[in-house]
């Protein structure tokens, strides 16, 4: 049927054969207005590993959320609460809920 099946912790992902989150990120980052920008990608499952690899290759910020023993992500948060806390701090550092420069 031309589909790939990726098995994760509690999920089965079905995608077109030969595609991955990493490939999608690479393609997306070539499009204006994202070309030349630094990607940020967070995930919590083995199905996100290709995304981490792609983001790392693009000089971006890869974040694994959870307790997986191995990951290609450069940074980790133990849980979604810690990730949310970091995002709130980032929002505050950037000036709150103002209209920031659009991508």
N, C-alpha and C. Protein backbone atom coordinates (compact mmCIF):
# COMPACT_ATOMS: atom_id res chain seq x y z
N UNK A 1 0.80 -1.21 0.00
CA UNK A 1 0.00 0.00 0.00
C UNK A 1 0.84 1.27 0.00
N UNK A 2 2.16 1.13 0.01
CA UNK A 2 3.02 2.30 0.00
C UNK A 2 3.05 3.05 1.31
N UNK A 3 2.89 2.31 2.41
CA UNK A 3 2.87 2.94 3.73
C UNK A 3 3.94 2.31 4.62
N UNK A 4 4.47 3.10 5.54
CA UNK A 4 5.38 2.61 6.57
C UNK A 4 4.65 2.68 7.90
N UNK A 5 4.94 1.72 8.76
CA UNK A 5 4.35 1.68 10.09
C UNK A 5 5.47 1.84 11.12
N UNK A 6 5.36 2.86 11.96
CA UNK A 6 6.32 3.08 13.04
C UNK A 6 5.64 2.77 14.36
N UNK A 7 6.27 1.92 15.15
CA UNK A 7 5.70 1.55 16.44
C UNK A 7 6.40 2.31 17.54
N UNK A 8 5.63 3.04 18.34
CA UNK A 8 6.16 3.80 19.46
C UNK A 8 5.75 3.20 20.78
N UNK A 9 5.89 3.98 21.86
CA UNK A 9 5.56 3.49 23.20
C UNK A 9 4.10 3.10 23.31
N UNK A 10 3.23 3.99 22.94
CA UNK A 10 1.78 3.74 23.04
C UNK A 10 1.08 4.18 21.77
N UNK A 11 1.78 4.11 20.65
CA UNK A 11 1.23 4.64 19.41
C UNK A 11 1.76 3.84 18.23
N UNK A 12 0.98 3.80 17.18
CA UNK A 12 1.42 3.27 15.89
C UNK A 12 1.21 4.41 14.90
N UNK A 13 2.28 4.82 14.23
CA UNK A 13 2.18 5.90 13.24
C UNK A 13 2.24 5.29 11.85
N UNK A 14 1.34 5.73 11.00
CA UNK A 14 1.31 5.29 9.61
C UNK A 14 1.65 6.49 8.75
N UNK A 15 2.68 6.33 7.89
CA UNK A 15 3.07 7.42 7.01
C UNK A 15 3.40 6.90 5.63
N UNK A 16 3.39 7.79 4.64
CA UNK A 16 3.75 7.37 3.29
C UNK A 16 5.16 6.75 3.30
N UNK A 17 5.34 5.68 2.54
CA UNK A 17 6.62 4.98 2.49
C UNK A 17 7.76 5.94 2.18
N UNK A 18 8.86 5.79 2.92
CA UNK A 18 10.04 6.60 2.68
C UNK A 18 10.01 7.96 3.34
N UNK A 19 8.97 8.26 4.08
CA UNK A 19 8.86 9.55 4.76
C UNK A 19 9.10 9.39 6.25
N UNK A 20 9.44 10.49 6.89
CA UNK A 20 9.67 10.49 8.33
C UNK A 20 9.49 11.92 8.84
N UNK A 21 9.46 12.06 10.14
CA UNK A 21 9.40 13.40 10.71
C UNK A 21 10.65 14.19 10.35
N UNK A 22 11.79 13.50 10.32
CA UNK A 22 13.03 14.17 9.95
C UNK A 22 13.00 14.72 8.54
N UNK A 23 12.52 13.92 7.60
CA UNK A 23 12.41 14.37 6.22
C UNK A 23 11.44 15.54 6.10
N UNK A 24 10.33 15.46 6.83
CA UNK A 24 9.36 16.56 6.80
C UNK A 24 9.99 17.85 7.33
N UNK A 25 10.77 17.75 8.40
CA UNK A 25 11.43 18.93 8.96
C UNK A 25 12.42 19.51 7.95
N UNK A 26 13.22 18.64 7.32
CA UNK A 26 14.18 19.12 6.32
C UNK A 26 13.49 19.86 5.19
N UNK A 27 12.39 19.30 4.71
CA UNK A 27 11.64 19.95 3.62
C UNK A 27 11.03 21.27 4.08
N UNK A 28 10.43 21.25 5.25
CA UNK A 28 9.78 22.43 5.80
C UNK A 28 10.78 23.57 5.96
N UNK A 29 11.98 23.25 6.45
CA UNK A 29 12.97 24.28 6.73
C UNK A 29 13.60 24.87 5.47
N UNK A 30 13.30 24.32 4.32
CA UNK A 30 13.77 24.90 3.05
C UNK A 30 12.78 25.93 2.51
N UNK A 31 11.60 25.97 3.06
CA UNK A 31 10.55 26.86 2.57
C UNK A 31 10.63 28.24 3.22
N UNK A 32 10.36 29.29 2.42
CA UNK A 32 10.22 30.59 3.05
C UNK A 32 8.94 30.55 3.89
N UNK A 33 8.87 31.13 5.00
CA UNK A 33 9.85 31.99 5.64
C UNK A 33 10.75 31.26 6.64
N UNK A 34 10.86 29.94 6.57
CA UNK A 34 11.62 29.18 7.57
C UNK A 34 13.07 28.94 7.18
N UNK A 35 13.40 29.07 5.90
CA UNK A 35 14.77 28.83 5.44
C UNK A 35 15.74 29.74 6.18
N UNK A 36 16.82 29.17 6.66
CA UNK A 36 17.83 29.94 7.37
C UNK A 36 17.55 30.15 8.84
N UNK A 37 16.41 29.68 9.31
CA UNK A 37 16.07 29.83 10.73
C UNK A 37 16.50 28.60 11.51
N UNK A 38 16.46 28.71 12.82
CA UNK A 38 16.89 27.62 13.70
C UNK A 38 15.65 26.84 14.16
N UNK A 39 15.55 25.57 13.76
CA UNK A 39 14.37 24.79 14.15
C UNK A 39 14.44 24.35 15.61
N UNK A 40 13.28 24.22 16.21
CA UNK A 40 13.13 23.68 17.56
C UNK A 40 12.13 22.54 17.45
N UNK A 41 12.50 21.37 17.98
CA UNK A 41 11.64 20.19 17.88
C UNK A 41 11.67 19.44 19.20
N UNK A 42 10.50 19.16 19.74
CA UNK A 42 10.38 18.40 20.98
C UNK A 42 9.55 17.16 20.71
N UNK A 43 9.92 16.07 21.35
CA UNK A 43 9.18 14.83 21.20
C UNK A 43 9.39 13.94 22.40
N UNK A 44 8.57 12.89 22.47
CA UNK A 44 8.62 12.02 23.64
C UNK A 44 8.69 10.54 23.31
N UNK A 45 8.97 10.20 22.06
CA UNK A 45 8.89 8.79 21.68
C UNK A 45 9.96 8.44 20.66
N UNK A 46 10.17 7.16 20.48
CA UNK A 46 11.14 6.67 19.50
C UNK A 46 10.76 7.14 18.09
N UNK A 47 9.48 7.38 17.86
CA UNK A 47 9.02 7.84 16.55
C UNK A 47 9.46 9.27 16.25
N UNK A 48 10.01 9.96 17.24
CA UNK A 48 10.49 11.33 17.06
C UNK A 48 11.99 11.41 16.77
N UNK A 49 12.69 10.29 16.84
CA UNK A 49 14.14 10.30 16.71
C UNK A 49 14.63 10.86 15.38
N UNK A 50 13.95 10.56 14.28
CA UNK A 50 14.39 11.11 12.99
C UNK A 50 14.26 12.64 12.98
N UNK A 51 13.29 13.16 13.71
CA UNK A 51 13.14 14.61 13.85
C UNK A 51 14.29 15.21 14.62
N UNK A 52 14.71 14.55 15.70
CA UNK A 52 15.85 15.04 16.47
C UNK A 52 17.11 15.09 15.61
N UNK A 53 17.34 14.02 14.84
CA UNK A 53 18.53 13.95 13.99
C UNK A 53 18.52 15.08 12.96
N UNK A 54 17.39 15.31 12.33
CA UNK A 54 17.29 16.37 11.32
C UNK A 54 17.51 17.74 11.93
N UNK A 55 16.89 17.99 13.06
CA UNK A 55 17.03 19.29 13.72
C UNK A 55 18.48 19.52 14.15
N UNK A 56 19.13 18.49 14.66
CA UNK A 56 20.54 18.61 15.05
C UNK A 56 21.40 18.97 13.84
N UNK A 57 21.15 18.32 12.72
CA UNK A 57 21.92 18.58 11.50
C UNK A 57 21.72 20.00 10.99
N UNK A 58 20.57 20.58 11.30
CA UNK A 58 20.25 21.95 10.88
C UNK A 58 20.68 22.99 11.92
N UNK A 59 21.37 22.55 12.97
CA UNK A 59 21.84 23.47 14.00
C UNK A 59 20.75 23.93 14.94
N UNK A 60 19.69 23.14 15.04
CA UNK A 60 18.55 23.52 15.86
C UNK A 60 18.61 22.98 17.27
N UNK A 61 17.47 23.06 17.93
CA UNK A 61 17.32 22.67 19.32
C UNK A 61 16.40 21.45 19.38
N UNK A 62 16.96 20.29 19.74
CA UNK A 62 16.17 19.06 19.85
C UNK A 62 15.98 18.72 21.32
N UNK A 63 14.73 18.43 21.69
CA UNK A 63 14.39 18.23 23.10
C UNK A 63 13.58 16.94 23.24
N UNK A 64 14.08 16.03 24.08
CA UNK A 64 13.31 14.82 24.40
C UNK A 64 12.60 15.06 25.72
N UNK A 65 11.33 14.74 25.76
CA UNK A 65 10.53 14.87 26.98
C UNK A 65 10.22 13.47 27.48
N UNK A 66 10.67 13.16 28.69
CA UNK A 66 10.41 11.84 29.26
C UNK A 66 11.68 11.14 29.66
N UNK A 67 11.54 9.84 29.94
CA UNK A 67 12.64 9.10 30.55
C UNK A 67 13.28 8.04 29.65
N UNK A 68 13.21 8.20 28.35
CA UNK A 68 13.84 7.26 27.44
C UNK A 68 15.34 7.18 27.73
N UNK A 69 15.90 5.97 27.83
CA UNK A 69 17.32 5.86 28.17
C UNK A 69 18.26 6.34 27.07
N UNK A 70 17.85 6.25 25.80
CA UNK A 70 18.70 6.71 24.71
C UNK A 70 17.90 7.59 23.77
N UNK A 71 18.55 8.65 23.30
CA UNK A 71 17.89 9.55 22.36
C UNK A 71 18.96 10.34 21.61
N UNK A 72 18.61 10.81 20.43
CA UNK A 72 19.48 11.68 19.65
C UNK A 72 19.26 13.15 20.02
N UNK A 73 18.25 13.43 20.84
CA UNK A 73 17.97 14.81 21.25
C UNK A 73 19.14 15.36 22.06
N UNK A 74 19.43 16.64 21.87
CA UNK A 74 20.53 17.28 22.57
C UNK A 74 20.17 17.69 23.99
N UNK A 75 18.87 17.89 24.25
CA UNK A 75 18.40 18.32 25.56
C UNK A 75 17.26 17.43 26.01
N UNK A 76 17.03 17.42 27.33
CA UNK A 76 15.96 16.59 27.90
C UNK A 76 15.19 17.36 28.97
N UNK A 77 13.93 17.03 29.06
CA UNK A 77 13.10 17.42 30.19
C UNK A 77 12.50 16.14 30.74
N UNK A 78 12.37 16.03 32.06
CA UNK A 78 11.86 14.78 32.63
C UNK A 78 10.38 14.54 32.33
N UNK A 79 9.63 15.62 32.12
CA UNK A 79 8.19 15.47 31.89
C UNK A 79 7.64 16.74 31.23
N UNK A 80 6.36 16.69 30.86
CA UNK A 80 5.74 17.83 30.18
C UNK A 80 5.64 19.05 31.09
N UNK A 81 5.53 18.83 32.38
CA UNK A 81 5.47 19.96 33.32
C UNK A 81 6.77 20.76 33.25
N UNK A 82 7.91 20.09 33.22
CA UNK A 82 9.20 20.78 33.13
C UNK A 82 9.34 21.50 31.79
N UNK A 83 8.86 20.88 30.73
CA UNK A 83 8.90 21.51 29.40
C UNK A 83 8.04 22.77 29.39
N UNK A 84 6.85 22.67 29.95
CA UNK A 84 5.94 23.82 30.01
C UNK A 84 6.56 24.95 30.83
N UNK A 85 7.21 24.61 31.94
CA UNK A 85 7.86 25.61 32.78
C UNK A 85 8.94 26.34 31.98
N UNK A 86 9.75 25.60 31.22
CA UNK A 86 10.79 26.20 30.39
C UNK A 86 10.17 27.11 29.33
N UNK A 87 9.11 26.65 28.68
CA UNK A 87 8.45 27.46 27.65
C UNK A 87 7.88 28.74 28.24
N UNK A 88 7.29 28.66 29.43
CA UNK A 88 6.77 29.86 30.08
C UNK A 88 7.90 30.84 30.39
N UNK A 89 9.04 30.34 30.84
CA UNK A 89 10.19 31.20 31.10
C UNK A 89 10.71 31.84 29.83
N UNK A 90 10.71 31.08 28.76
CA UNK A 90 11.14 31.61 27.46
C UNK A 90 10.20 32.71 27.00
N UNK A 91 8.91 32.48 27.16
CA UNK A 91 7.92 33.48 26.78
C UNK A 91 8.13 34.77 27.58
N UNK A 92 8.38 34.63 28.86
CA UNK A 92 8.63 35.80 29.71
C UNK A 92 9.90 36.52 29.26
N UNK A 93 10.96 35.77 28.98
CA UNK A 93 12.22 36.37 28.55
C UNK A 93 12.07 37.11 27.22
N UNK A 94 11.14 36.64 26.39
CA UNK A 94 10.91 37.28 25.09
C UNK A 94 9.91 38.42 25.17
N UNK A 95 9.39 38.69 26.37
CA UNK A 95 8.50 39.83 26.53
C UNK A 95 7.04 39.49 26.66
N UNK A 96 6.72 38.27 26.99
CA UNK A 96 5.33 37.91 27.19
C UNK A 96 4.60 37.63 25.91
N UNK A 97 3.32 37.84 25.94
CA UNK A 97 2.45 37.49 24.81
C UNK A 97 2.32 38.62 23.80
N UNK A 98 3.41 39.27 23.50
CA UNK A 98 3.40 40.32 22.49
C UNK A 98 3.50 39.69 21.12
N UNK A 99 3.22 40.47 20.10
CA UNK A 99 3.40 39.99 18.74
C UNK A 99 4.88 40.00 18.42
N UNK A 100 5.48 38.82 18.44
CA UNK A 100 6.89 38.69 18.09
C UNK A 100 7.02 38.64 16.58
N UNK A 101 8.23 38.83 16.12
CA UNK A 101 8.48 38.73 14.68
C UNK A 101 7.95 37.39 14.19
N UNK A 102 7.15 37.44 13.16
CA UNK A 102 6.56 36.21 12.62
C UNK A 102 7.60 35.45 11.82
N UNK A 103 7.52 34.10 11.87
CA UNK A 103 8.48 33.30 11.09
C UNK A 103 8.32 33.52 9.61
